[in-house]
C-alpha atoms as a PDB file:
ATOM      1  CA  UNK A   1     -56.544  33.091 161.941  1.00  0.00           C
ATOM      2  CA  UNK A   2     -54.230  30.145 161.712  1.00  0.00           C
ATOM      3  CA  UNK A   3     -54.929  26.603 162.693  1.00  0.00           C
ATOM      4  CA  UNK A   4     -53.140  24.867 165.516  1.00  0.00           C
ATOM      5  CA  UNK A   5     -50.140  22.721 164.632  1.00  0.00           C
ATOM      6  CA  UNK A   6     -51.246  19.596 162.758  1.00  0.00           C
ATOM      7  CA  UNK A   7     -51.470  16.432 164.788  1.00  0.00           C
ATOM      8  CA  UNK A   8     -49.726  13.584 163.048  1.00  0.00           C
ATOM      9  CA  UNK A   9     -50.791  10.200 164.307  1.00  0.00           C
ATOM     10  CA  UNK A  10     -47.994   7.830 165.335  1.00  0.00           C
ATOM     11  CA  UNK A  11     -49.046   5.214 162.771  1.00  0.00           C
ATOM     12  CA  UNK A  12     -47.932   7.523 159.931  1.00  0.00           C
ATOM     13  CA  UNK A  13     -44.214   7.448 160.787  1.00  0.00           C
ATOM     14  CA  UNK A  14     -43.669   3.811 159.672  1.00  0.00           C
ATOM     15  CA  UNK A  15     -45.291   4.629 156.323  1.00  0.00           C
ATOM     16  CA  UNK A  16     -42.900   7.490 155.639  1.00  0.00           C
ATOM     17  CA  UNK A  17     -39.939   5.488 156.936  1.00  0.00           C
ATOM     18  CA  UNK A  18     -40.794   2.640 154.566  1.00  0.00           C
ATOM     19  CA  UNK A  19     -41.259   5.018 151.628  1.00  0.00           C
ATOM     20  CA  UNK A  20     -37.953   6.740 152.393  1.00  0.00           C
ATOM     21  CA  UNK A  21     -35.977   4.068 150.560  1.00  0.00           C
ATOM     22  CA  UNK A  22     -35.561   4.352 146.784  1.00  0.00           C
ATOM     23  CA  UNK A  23     -35.996   0.620 146.171  1.00  0.00           C
ATOM     24  CA  UNK A  24     -39.139   0.400 148.293  1.00  0.00           C
ATOM     25  CA  UNK A  25     -40.571   3.497 146.650  1.00  0.00           C
ATOM     26  CA  UNK A  26     -39.939   1.844 143.286  1.00  0.00           C
ATOM     27  CA  UNK A  27     -41.740  -1.303 144.427  1.00  0.00           C
ATOM     28  CA  UNK A  28     -44.729   0.767 145.501  1.00  0.00           C
ATOM     29  CA  UNK A  29     -44.718   2.473 142.104  1.00  0.00           C
ATOM     30  CA  UNK A  30     -44.645  -0.887 140.303  1.00  0.00           C
ATOM     31  CA  UNK A  31     -47.468  -2.236 142.455  1.00  0.00           C
ATOM     32  CA  UNK A  32     -49.576   0.881 141.963  1.00  0.00           C
ATOM     33  CA  UNK A  33     -50.914  -0.530 138.693  1.00  0.00           C
ATOM     34  CA  UNK A  34     -53.319  -2.558 140.782  1.00  0.00           C
ATOM     35  CA  UNK A  35     -52.397  -6.061 139.677  1.00  0.00           C
ATOM     36  CA  UNK A  36     -50.739  -8.375 142.208  1.00  0.00           C
ATOM     37  CA  UNK A  37     -47.149  -9.208 141.325  1.00  0.00           C
ATOM     38  CA  UNK A  38     -44.748 -11.980 142.235  1.00  0.00           C
ATOM     39  CA  UNK A  39     -41.188 -11.479 143.446  1.00  0.00           C
ATOM     40  CA  UNK A  40     -40.007 -12.668 140.033  1.00  0.00           C
ATOM     41  CA  UNK A  41     -42.061 -10.018 138.257  1.00  0.00           C
ATOM     42  CA  UNK A  42     -40.985  -7.323 140.712  1.00  0.00           C
ATOM     43  CA  UNK A  43     -37.298  -8.069 140.152  1.00  0.00           C
ATOM     44  CA  UNK A  44     -37.486  -8.165 136.342  1.00  0.00           C
ATOM     45  CA  UNK A  45     -35.465  -5.389 134.752  1.00  0.00           C
ATOM     46  CA  UNK A  46     -33.742  -4.402 138.009  1.00  0.00           C
ATOM     47  CA  UNK A  47     -30.349  -5.049 139.563  1.00  0.00           C
ATOM     48  CA  UNK A  48     -31.999  -5.995 142.859  1.00  0.00           C
ATOM     49  CA  UNK A  49     -31.914  -9.626 143.967  1.00  0.00           C
ATOM     50  CA  UNK A  50     -35.027 -11.579 144.823  1.00  0.00           C
ATOM     51  CA  UNK A  51     -33.821 -11.810 148.430  1.00  0.00           C
ATOM     52  CA  UNK A  52     -33.420  -8.025 148.642  1.00  0.00           C
ATOM     53  CA  UNK A  53     -36.844  -7.436 147.114  1.00  0.00           C
ATOM     54  CA  UNK A  54     -38.322  -9.866 149.630  1.00  0.00           C
ATOM     55  CA  UNK A  55     -36.735  -7.942 152.518  1.00  0.00           C
ATOM     56  CA  UNK A  56     -38.003  -4.625 151.134  1.00  0.00           C
ATOM     57  CA  UNK A  57     -41.502  -6.041 150.719  1.00  0.00           C
ATOM     58  CA  UNK A  58     -41.438  -7.206 154.328  1.00  0.00           C
ATOM     59  CA  UNK A  59     -40.634  -3.648 155.456  1.00  0.00           C
ATOM     60  CA  UNK A  60     -43.486  -2.333 153.308  1.00  0.00           C
ATOM     61  CA  UNK A  61     -45.741  -5.031 154.742  1.00  0.00           C
ATOM     62  CA  UNK A  62     -44.805  -4.107 158.314  1.00  0.00           C
ATOM     63  CA  UNK A  63     -45.864  -0.532 157.494  1.00  0.00           C
ATOM     64  CA  UNK A  64     -49.148  -1.839 156.100  1.00  0.00           C
ATOM     65  CA  UNK A  65     -48.380  -0.656 152.562  1.00  0.00           C
ATOM     66  CA  UNK A  66     -48.459  -4.072 150.890  1.00  0.00           C
ATOM     67  CA  UNK A  67     -49.861  -7.488 151.604  1.00  0.00           C
ATOM     68  CA  UNK A  68     -49.241 -10.869 150.100  1.00  0.00           C
ATOM     69  CA  UNK A  69     -51.393 -13.840 149.267  1.00  0.00           C
ATOM     70  CA  UNK A  70     -50.352 -17.342 148.314  1.00  0.00           C
ATOM     71  CA  UNK A  71     -51.025 -18.467 144.767  1.00  0.00           C
ATOM     72  CA  UNK A  72     -49.671 -21.970 144.412  1.00  0.00           C
ATOM     73  CA  UNK A  73     -45.997 -21.843 145.333  1.00  0.00           C
ATOM     74  CA  UNK A  74     -45.737 -18.102 144.796  1.00  0.00           C
ATOM     75  CA  UNK A  75     -46.601 -15.161 146.961  1.00  0.00           C
ATOM     76  CA  UNK A  76     -48.345 -12.382 145.094  1.00  0.00           C
ATOM     77  CA  UNK A  77     -47.962  -8.853 146.428  1.00  0.00           C
ATOM     78  CA  UNK A  78     -50.584  -6.131 146.277  1.00  0.00           C
ATOM     79  CA  UNK A  79     -50.487  -2.465 147.252  1.00  0.00           C
ATOM     80  CA  UNK A  80     -52.679  -1.391 150.170  1.00  0.00           C
ATOM     81  CA  UNK A  81     -53.888   1.982 148.870  1.00  0.00           C
ATOM     82  CA  UNK A  82     -55.661   2.857 152.107  1.00  0.00           C
ATOM     83  CA  UNK A  83     -52.306   3.230 153.864  1.00  0.00           C
ATOM     84  CA  UNK A  84     -51.086   5.581 151.134  1.00  0.00           C
ATOM     85  CA  UNK A  85     -54.259   7.586 151.685  1.00  0.00           C
ATOM     86  CA  UNK A  86     -53.338   7.898 155.376  1.00  0.00           C
ATOM     87  CA  UNK A  87     -49.955   9.349 154.396  1.00  0.00           C
ATOM     88  CA  UNK A  88     -51.558  11.678 151.849  1.00  0.00           C
ATOM     89  CA  UNK A  89     -54.059  13.012 154.396  1.00  0.00           C
ATOM     90  CA  UNK A  90     -51.197  13.682 156.796  1.00  0.00           C
ATOM     91  CA  UNK A  91     -49.246  15.592 154.133  1.00  0.00           C
ATOM     92  CA  UNK A  92     -52.378  17.512 153.112  1.00  0.00           C
ATOM     93  CA  UNK A  93     -52.958  18.536 156.726  1.00  0.00           C
ATOM     94  CA  UNK A  94     -49.369  19.753 157.091  1.00  0.00           C
ATOM     95  CA  UNK A  95     -49.614  21.592 153.768  1.00  0.00           C
ATOM     96  CA  UNK A  96     -52.815  23.395 154.841  1.00  0.00           C
ATOM     97  CA  UNK A  97     -51.155  24.386 158.109  1.00  0.00           C
ATOM     98  CA  UNK A  98     -48.190  25.902 156.251  1.00  0.00           C
ATOM     99  CA  UNK A  99     -50.520  27.686 153.837  1.00  0.00           C
ATOM    100  CA  UNK A 100     -52.315  29.226 156.831  1.00  0.00           C
ATOM    101  CA  UNK A 101     -49.001  30.231 158.419  1.00  0.00           C
ATOM    102  CA  UNK A 102     -47.830  31.911 155.210  1.00  0.00           C
ATOM    103  CA  UNK A 103     -51.192  33.723 154.870  1.00  0.00           C
ATOM    104  CA  UNK A 104     -50.826  34.961 158.481  1.00  0.00           C
ATOM    105  CA  UNK A 105     -47.300  36.184 157.725  1.00  0.00           C
ATOM    106  CA  UNK A 106     -48.445  37.950 154.565  1.00  0.00           C
ATOM    107  CA  UNK A 107     -51.302  39.647 156.425  1.00  0.00           C
ATOM    108  CA  UNK A 108     -48.934  40.726 159.189  1.00  0.00           C
ATOM    109  CA  UNK A 109     -46.394  42.168 156.733  1.00  0.00           C
ATOM    110  CA  UNK A 110     -49.088  44.011 154.784  1.00  0.00           C
ATOM    111  CA  UNK A 111     -50.421  45.784 157.922  1.00  0.00           C
END
């Protein structure tokens, strides 16, 4: 017996929207090491300007994926893993629903 359609909470959409950009996804990947990073560090080795990185970090911050703290004159950025966990749980729920649907289809075809 299959489950009902998964309920995705409205707070998940901004996470996926923020992660839908290649540059922002790259920033999340760089921050996933756990250490806070400055704009300077985040732009090293890229063709992205500091201003563009700042704008992308603000989008990620609005989605709750990163937060910054002041350290002297610099802002250091850190990944908020709990928000990634929210997105992962949502994807896991959708995946389980599809697995159930495919099992139902298989059982129906085999009858």
